[in-house]
Amino acid sequence: MWKLEDCEGELRHMLVAAHPLTAAQVKGWPAAGDARYHELVRFTAVALGVLIAGCGRRGFESTPPSVDAMGSAAPCVDRWIAGQVTVTARLLPNVNTIARDVEPFIAADHTTLYFASSRDDDANDDIYRATTTAAFADVTLVPDLSSPEHEGAVTISENGLVATVSTARTGLGIPGRNLWEATRSSTTDPFSGFTGAPYVNVNTTATEYEHWTSRDRLRLYVSANDVGVQHITVSSRTTTASPFSVPMMIPELGSPNSECCMSLSGDERVIVFASSRDGNFRLYYATRMAMADPFSAPLVVPMTNPPVSVFDLHTSLSDDACTLYFSSVRSGNFDLWAGDF
């Protein structure tokens, strides 16, 4: 980690160049041991915006932890980008059954886990909810997000007021599972007002399975099943009152096989997804320095206990990218797992 003293020479030079002070005046600033020294350097650096620029050219370790789109430090995102993540997978306690438990989604509060399960209906999955604070022992059916038909992936907006569900419920006149939106006025209210209007350009006769919506709800990532092959696409819109655009494939993430089940960090610089490019479905990740950049070439998510002859699927990366939830058949059944690092 760089120290303020490391920047002293560069700051002196830039102060003289950018501020009406004489070299003698700058030279006479407090010594490094004086408490006023740090105050002056911090004030000057912030005011002129030169601290990072001044030290970065000198080769110091001056790059601060990155910040996400909300201005928060994002150390786990940095670790993914630097290739310094090794996940240890663990079976989630209390939440799994002998039925199918899949499609996890960890909400922005890092506490509420939504998922799909066939525990009460072998033919169709419904949406359930559990919390980390109860060690997932408080599993509850979410009836307002479930229907007599098959429900799959669900995502919840950052404020908890908008839900997007992949569901086979009727009403759109399109076969298969499609995307629907539901809303509520507060987080204590049930969801209602299901509509497919935001996804009029997204829903097709192919099955729209997994999806992920950006924090500002202006970008939608979807992996639709078209003739047995899934690819990761992205749609956008200019306002939340507008429908999403026709999905565009993200070419750098694709392969001749299937890619699906993606989730992203809150700043959209890390994406984790499942791919069958090497045979069985395994988890891969890719990164980018900025949201406008293309993703890097996908790499297998490093694990201390990788799956053997089975597959991992359905990812949900926490907003801060520090915990990875996914479904897997490692235990002989579709169960919910989490990865720590």
Protein backbone atom coordinates (compact mmCIF):
# COMPACT_ATOMS: atom_id res chain seq x y z
CA MET A 1 0.00 0.00 0.00
CA TRP A 2 1.38 3.41 -0.89
CA LYS A 3 1.98 6.05 1.75
CA LEU A 4 1.38 9.75 1.47
CA GLU A 5 5.09 10.36 1.94
CA ASP A 6 5.76 8.41 -1.26
CA CYS A 7 3.88 11.05 -3.23
CA GLU A 8 5.59 14.06 -1.72
CA GLY A 9 7.93 14.85 -4.61
CA GLU A 10 5.26 14.41 -7.25
CA LEU A 11 2.78 16.52 -5.32
CA ARG A 12 5.29 19.31 -4.76
CA HIS A 13 5.96 19.41 -8.50
CA MET A 14 2.29 19.40 -9.45
CA LEU A 15 1.41 22.00 -6.84
CA VAL A 16 3.95 24.40 -8.28
CA ALA A 17 2.67 23.74 -11.79
CA ALA A 18 -1.05 23.92 -10.98
CA HIS A 19 -1.32 26.42 -8.13
CA PRO A 20 -0.07 30.02 -7.75
CA LEU A 21 2.47 29.11 -5.08
CA THR A 22 6.18 29.59 -5.33
CA ALA A 23 8.51 26.67 -5.10
CA ALA A 24 9.80 28.08 -1.82
CA GLN A 25 6.30 28.19 -0.38
CA VAL A 26 5.66 24.58 -1.35
CA LYS A 27 9.10 23.54 -0.14
CA GLY A 28 8.27 25.02 3.23
CA TRP A 29 5.22 22.89 3.93
CA PRO A 30 5.18 20.91 7.22
CA ALA A 31 7.55 18.00 7.62
CA ALA A 32 6.28 14.43 7.26
CA GLY A 33 6.27 13.96 11.02
CA ASP A 34 4.05 16.98 11.56
CA ALA A 35 0.33 16.25 11.90
CA ARG A 36 -0.36 19.16 9.57
CA TYR A 37 1.58 17.35 6.83
CA HIS A 38 -1.04 14.67 6.27
CA GLU A 39 -3.85 17.18 6.48
CA LEU A 40 -2.22 19.38 3.86
CA VAL A 41 -1.43 16.50 1.52
CA ARG A 42 -4.90 15.04 1.74
CA PHE A 43 -6.56 18.41 1.18
CA THR A 44 -4.27 19.26 -1.71
CA ALA A 45 -4.63 15.84 -3.33
CA VAL A 46 -8.39 15.86 -3.18
CA ALA A 47 -8.67 19.47 -4.31
CA LEU A 48 -6.43 19.00 -7.33
CA GLY A 49 -7.32 15.37 -8.06
CA VAL A 50 -3.66 14.52 -8.39
CA LEU A 51 -2.98 11.90 -5.78
CA ILE A 52 -3.71 8.90 -7.95
CA ALA A 53 -2.36 10.45 -11.13
CA GLY A 54 0.79 11.69 -9.40
CA CYS A 55 1.70 8.44 -7.73
CA GLY A 56 0.52 6.09 -10.44
CA ARG A 57 3.13 7.34 -12.90
CA ARG A 58 5.82 6.66 -10.36
CA GLY A 59 5.08 2.96 -10.10
CA PHE A 60 3.87 2.96 -6.52
CA GLU A 61 1.12 0.58 -5.46
CA SER A 62 -1.22 3.48 -5.83
CA THR A 63 -4.27 1.80 -7.29
CA PRO A 64 -6.93 1.97 -4.57
CA PRO A 65 -9.53 -0.74 -4.16
CA SER A 66 -12.00 -0.39 -7.00
CA VAL A 67 -15.40 1.01 -6.29
CA ASP A 68 -18.61 -0.40 -7.65
CA ALA A 69 -21.36 1.47 -9.44
CA MET A 70 -22.81 2.64 -6.13
CA GLY A 71 -19.50 4.09 -4.93
CA SER A 72 -18.73 1.28 -2.49
CA ALA A 73 -15.41 -0.50 -2.19
CA ALA A 74 -15.40 -3.74 -4.18
CA PRO A 75 -12.46 -5.84 -2.94
CA CYS A 76 -14.01 -9.14 -4.05
CA VAL A 77 -14.51 -7.80 -7.57
CA ASP A 78 -10.81 -6.89 -7.60
CA ARG A 79 -9.93 -10.44 -6.59
CA TRP A 80 -11.98 -11.93 -9.41
CA ILE A 81 -10.36 -9.57 -11.90
CA ALA A 82 -6.88 -10.40 -10.58
CA GLY A 83 -7.56 -14.14 -10.77
CA GLN A 84 -7.15 -14.50 -7.01
CA VAL A 85 -10.36 -16.39 -6.26
CA THR A 86 -10.51 -20.05 -5.25
CA VAL A 87 -13.96 -21.18 -4.18
CA THR A 88 -14.68 -23.77 -1.51
CA ALA A 89 -18.13 -25.21 -2.20
CA ARG A 90 -20.41 -26.14 0.69
CA LEU A 91 -23.87 -27.65 0.76
CA LEU A 92 -26.33 -25.16 2.22
CA PRO A 93 -27.84 -26.34 5.51
CA ASN A 94 -31.55 -26.87 6.21
CA VAL A 95 -32.84 -25.68 2.84
CA ASN A 96 -32.41 -28.77 0.62
CA THR A 97 -34.85 -31.68 0.26
CA ILE A 98 -35.06 -34.93 -1.69
CA ALA A 99 -36.94 -32.90 -4.31
CA ARG A 100 -35.36 -30.55 -6.85
CA ASP A 101 -33.96 -27.35 -5.29
CA VAL A 102 -32.52 -25.04 -7.93
CA GLU A 103 -32.24 -21.50 -9.34
CA PRO A 104 -30.91 -19.62 -6.28
CA PHE A 105 -31.02 -15.83 -6.15
CA ILE A 106 -29.44 -13.93 -3.27
CA ALA A 107 -31.08 -10.54 -2.82
CA ALA A 108 -29.18 -7.26 -2.53
CA ASP A 109 -29.60 -7.41 1.25
CA HIS A 110 -27.24 -10.44 1.22
CA THR A 111 -29.74 -12.11 3.56
CA THR A 112 -32.76 -13.28 1.56
CA LEU A 113 -32.34 -16.29 -0.73
CA TYR A 114 -35.04 -17.03 -3.30
CA PHE A 115 -35.06 -20.36 -5.13
CA ALA A 116 -37.26 -22.77 -7.09
CA SER A 117 -38.22 -26.15 -5.69
CA SER A 118 -40.49 -29.08 -6.52
CA ARG A 119 -40.82 -30.08 -2.83
CA ASP A 120 -44.59 -29.56 -2.79
CA ASP A 121 -45.29 -30.43 -6.40
CA ASP A 122 -43.19 -33.00 -8.22
CA ALA A 123 -44.51 -31.83 -11.58
CA ASN A 124 -43.86 -28.08 -11.21
CA ASP A 125 -41.41 -25.93 -9.31
CA ASP A 126 -42.63 -23.08 -7.10
CA ILE A 127 -40.76 -20.10 -5.63
CA TYR A 128 -39.51 -20.28 -2.04
CA ARG A 129 -37.61 -17.97 0.24
CA ALA A 130 -35.18 -18.49 3.14
CA THR A 131 -32.75 -16.27 5.02
CA THR A 132 -29.12 -16.52 6.00
CA THR A 133 -29.93 -15.11 9.44
CA ALA A 134 -31.92 -18.27 10.19
CA ALA A 135 -29.31 -20.52 8.57
CA PHE A 136 -31.93 -21.17 5.85
CA ALA A 137 -34.18 -23.03 8.29
CA ASP A 138 -37.07 -20.62 7.69
CA VAL A 139 -38.02 -21.86 4.21
CA THR A 140 -41.31 -20.33 3.12
CA LEU A 141 -43.38 -20.68 -0.04
CA VAL A 142 -43.78 -17.35 -1.86
CA PRO A 143 -47.35 -17.83 -3.14
CA ASP A 144 -47.55 -14.46 -4.88
CA LEU A 145 -44.63 -15.45 -7.15
CA SER A 146 -45.85 -19.01 -7.71
CA SER A 147 -48.62 -20.39 -9.93
CA PRO A 148 -50.12 -23.75 -10.92
CA GLU A 149 -47.59 -23.80 -13.75
CA HIS A 150 -43.83 -24.26 -13.67
CA GLU A 151 -41.75 -21.47 -12.11
CA GLY A 152 -38.01 -21.14 -12.57
CA ALA A 153 -35.49 -18.39 -11.99
CA VAL A 154 -36.59 -15.30 -10.07
CA THR A 155 -34.65 -12.07 -9.58
CA ILE A 156 -35.59 -9.19 -7.29
CA SER A 157 -34.68 -5.53 -7.83
CA GLU A 158 -32.29 -3.83 -5.43
CA ASN A 159 -35.13 -2.04 -3.63
CA GLY A 160 -37.07 -5.30 -3.37
CA LEU A 161 -40.12 -3.91 -5.20
CA VAL A 162 -39.80 -5.51 -8.65
CA ALA A 163 -39.62 -9.23 -9.38
CA THR A 164 -38.80 -10.90 -12.68
CA VAL A 165 -39.86 -14.54 -12.95
CA SER A 166 -39.29 -17.16 -15.61
CA THR A 167 -42.60 -18.97 -15.61
CA ALA A 168 -44.87 -21.09 -17.76
CA ARG A 169 -48.01 -19.31 -16.54
CA THR A 170 -50.50 -18.58 -19.28
CA GLY A 171 -51.51 -15.21 -20.66
CA LEU A 172 -48.84 -14.19 -23.16
CA GLY A 173 -49.94 -16.50 -25.94
CA ILE A 174 -46.36 -17.79 -26.24
CA PRO A 175 -45.56 -21.41 -25.36
CA GLY A 176 -42.94 -22.44 -22.83
CA ARG A 177 -41.43 -20.44 -20.01
CA ASN A 178 -41.26 -16.68 -20.49
CA LEU A 179 -40.30 -13.66 -18.44
CA TRP A 180 -42.92 -11.82 -16.39
CA GLU A 181 -42.62 -8.79 -14.14
CA ALA A 182 -44.50 -8.25 -10.87
CA THR A 183 -44.35 -5.30 -8.49
CA ARG A 184 -45.28 -4.28 -4.97
CA SER A 185 -45.47 -1.00 -3.05
CA SER A 186 -43.35 -2.09 -0.10
CA THR A 187 -41.23 -5.09 0.85
CA THR A 188 -43.95 -6.27 3.24
CA ASP A 189 -46.57 -6.41 0.49
CA PRO A 190 -47.17 -9.36 -1.85
CA PHE A 191 -46.15 -9.08 -5.49
CA SER A 192 -48.95 -8.54 -8.00
CA GLY A 193 -49.74 -7.04 -11.38
CA PHE A 194 -47.94 -9.64 -13.49
CA THR A 195 -47.11 -8.37 -16.96
CA GLY A 196 -44.93 -9.42 -19.84
CA ALA A 197 -44.81 -5.90 -21.31
CA PRO A 198 -41.17 -5.12 -20.36
CA TYR A 199 -40.09 -8.28 -22.20
CA VAL A 200 -42.16 -8.00 -25.37
CA ASN A 201 -38.93 -7.99 -27.42
CA VAL A 202 -37.31 -10.71 -25.30
CA ASN A 203 -39.91 -13.46 -24.95
CA THR A 204 -40.01 -15.91 -27.84
CA THR A 205 -41.16 -19.41 -28.63
CA ALA A 206 -37.79 -20.49 -27.25
CA THR A 207 -37.74 -20.93 -23.48
CA GLU A 208 -36.42 -17.95 -21.55
CA TYR A 209 -34.81 -19.64 -18.59
CA GLU A 210 -32.23 -17.83 -16.46
CA HIS A 211 -32.02 -14.04 -16.31
CA TRP A 212 -30.30 -11.26 -14.38
CA THR A 213 -31.26 -7.58 -14.25
CA SER A 214 -28.87 -4.70 -13.54
CA ARG A 215 -29.19 -2.50 -10.46
CA ASP A 216 -30.73 0.34 -12.45
CA ARG A 217 -33.00 -2.16 -14.27
CA LEU A 218 -31.77 -0.92 -17.65
CA ARG A 219 -29.91 -4.08 -18.73
CA LEU A 220 -31.22 -7.62 -18.86
CA TYR A 221 -29.06 -10.71 -19.30
CA VAL A 222 -30.91 -13.82 -20.47
CA SER A 223 -30.00 -17.38 -21.47
CA ALA A 224 -32.79 -18.67 -23.69
CA ASN A 225 -33.03 -22.24 -24.92
CA ASP A 226 -33.14 -22.23 -28.71
CA VAL A 227 -33.29 -25.75 -30.25
CA GLY A 228 -31.54 -27.24 -27.25
CA VAL A 229 -28.65 -24.76 -27.03
CA GLN A 230 -28.47 -21.78 -24.69
CA HIS A 231 -26.42 -18.63 -25.16
CA ILE A 232 -25.98 -15.57 -22.96
CA THR A 233 -27.56 -12.43 -24.34
CA VAL A 234 -28.04 -8.87 -23.13
CA SER A 235 -30.88 -6.40 -23.74
CA SER A 236 -31.09 -2.77 -22.74
CA ARG A 237 -33.51 0.12 -22.43
CA THR A 238 -33.22 3.83 -21.70
CA THR A 239 -35.85 4.02 -18.96
CA THR A 240 -37.60 1.52 -16.71
CA ALA A 241 -40.88 2.52 -18.36
CA SER A 242 -39.67 1.20 -21.72
CA PRO A 243 -39.48 -2.42 -22.89
CA PHE A 244 -36.11 -4.10 -23.21
CA SER A 245 -34.54 -4.28 -26.66
CA VAL A 246 -34.14 -7.42 -28.73
CA PRO A 247 -31.45 -9.54 -27.01
CA MET A 248 -27.94 -9.50 -28.45
CA MET A 249 -25.55 -12.39 -27.92
CA ILE A 250 -22.38 -11.64 -25.96
CA PRO A 251 -19.90 -13.26 -28.38
CA GLU A 252 -16.86 -13.46 -26.11
CA LEU A 253 -18.81 -15.70 -23.70
CA GLY A 254 -20.11 -18.09 -26.34
CA SER A 255 -19.06 -21.52 -27.58
CA PRO A 256 -20.58 -24.17 -29.85
CA ASN A 257 -22.14 -25.65 -26.70
CA SER A 258 -24.49 -24.15 -24.13
CA GLU A 259 -23.88 -21.20 -21.81
CA CYS A 260 -26.52 -20.38 -19.24
CA CYS A 261 -27.40 -19.59 -15.67
CA MET A 262 -25.38 -16.38 -15.43
CA SER A 263 -25.21 -13.85 -12.63
CA LEU A 264 -23.09 -10.74 -12.25
CA SER A 265 -21.55 -8.55 -9.60
CA GLY A 266 -23.48 -5.39 -8.87
CA ASP A 267 -21.10 -3.30 -10.97
CA GLU A 268 -21.39 -5.83 -13.84
CA ARG A 269 -17.63 -6.36 -14.07
CA VAL A 270 -17.73 -10.02 -13.05
CA ILE A 271 -19.98 -12.63 -14.64
CA VAL A 272 -20.26 -16.25 -13.50
CA PHE A 273 -22.13 -18.78 -15.61
CA ALA A 274 -22.45 -22.47 -16.44
CA SER A 275 -21.17 -23.92 -19.69
CA SER A 276 -21.02 -27.35 -21.25
CA ARG A 277 -18.12 -26.40 -23.52
CA ASP A 278 -15.93 -29.09 -21.90
CA GLY A 279 -18.58 -31.79 -21.62
CA ASN A 280 -20.49 -31.60 -18.33
CA PHE A 281 -21.77 -28.24 -17.16
CA ARG A 282 -19.13 -26.46 -15.11
CA LEU A 283 -18.95 -22.95 -13.70
CA TYR A 284 -16.94 -20.33 -15.57
CA TYR A 285 -16.26 -16.68 -15.00
CA ALA A 286 -15.13 -13.69 -17.00
CA THR A 287 -14.27 -10.12 -16.01
CA ARG A 288 -13.88 -6.65 -17.45
CA MET A 289 -12.43 -3.42 -16.15
CA ALA A 290 -15.48 -1.32 -17.05
CA MET A 291 -19.05 -2.13 -17.98
CA ALA A 292 -18.53 -0.80 -21.50
CA ASP A 293 -15.60 -3.19 -22.09
CA PRO A 294 -15.89 -6.70 -23.53
CA PHE A 295 -15.48 -9.56 -21.09
CA SER A 296 -12.23 -11.46 -20.85
CA ALA A 297 -11.93 -15.03 -22.14
CA PRO A 298 -13.95 -17.29 -19.79
CA LEU A 299 -12.06 -19.38 -17.25
CA VAL A 300 -13.20 -22.26 -15.06
CA VAL A 301 -14.06 -21.06 -11.55
CA PRO A 302 -11.18 -22.44 -9.43
CA MET A 303 -12.43 -24.66 -6.63
CA THR A 304 -10.74 -26.51 -3.81
CA ASN A 305 -13.38 -29.22 -4.24
CA PRO A 306 -14.42 -29.23 -7.92
CA PRO A 307 -17.22 -31.53 -9.09
CA VAL A 308 -16.23 -34.97 -10.39
CA SER A 309 -18.35 -36.52 -13.15
CA VAL A 310 -21.30 -34.31 -12.17
CA PHE A 311 -22.24 -30.77 -12.96
CA ASP A 312 -22.82 -27.37 -11.35
CA LEU A 313 -25.48 -25.00 -12.64
CA HIS A 314 -27.72 -22.00 -11.82
CA THR A 315 -25.48 -19.32 -10.32
CA SER A 316 -26.21 -16.31 -8.12
CA LEU A 317 -23.25 -14.09 -7.35
CA SER A 318 -23.81 -11.78 -4.40
CA ASP A 319 -23.95 -8.09 -5.19
CA ASP A 320 -20.44 -7.56 -3.77
CA ALA A 321 -19.12 -10.69 -5.57
CA CYS A 322 -17.96 -12.19 -2.27
CA THR A 323 -20.26 -15.25 -2.19
CA LEU A 324 -21.33 -17.51 -5.02
CA TYR A 325 -24.57 -19.50 -4.74
CA PHE A 326 -25.33 -22.27 -7.23
CA SER A 327 -27.18 -25.53 -7.70
CA SER A 328 -25.41 -28.83 -8.19
CA VAL A 329 -25.98 -32.57 -8.32
CA ARG A 330 -22.80 -33.25 -6.33
CA SER A 331 -24.86 -34.84 -3.55
CA GLY A 332 -26.79 -37.04 -5.98
CA ASN A 333 -29.72 -34.67 -6.22
CA PHE A 334 -30.28 -31.09 -7.37
CA ASP A 335 -29.39 -29.11 -4.25
CA LEU A 336 -28.36 -25.57 -3.34
CA TRP A 337 -24.72 -24.85 -2.61
CA ALA A 338 -22.59 -21.81 -1.83
CA GLY A 339 -18.99 -21.01 -2.54
CA ASP A 340 -16.79 -19.05 -0.15
CA PHE A 341 -13.30 -17.71 -0.77
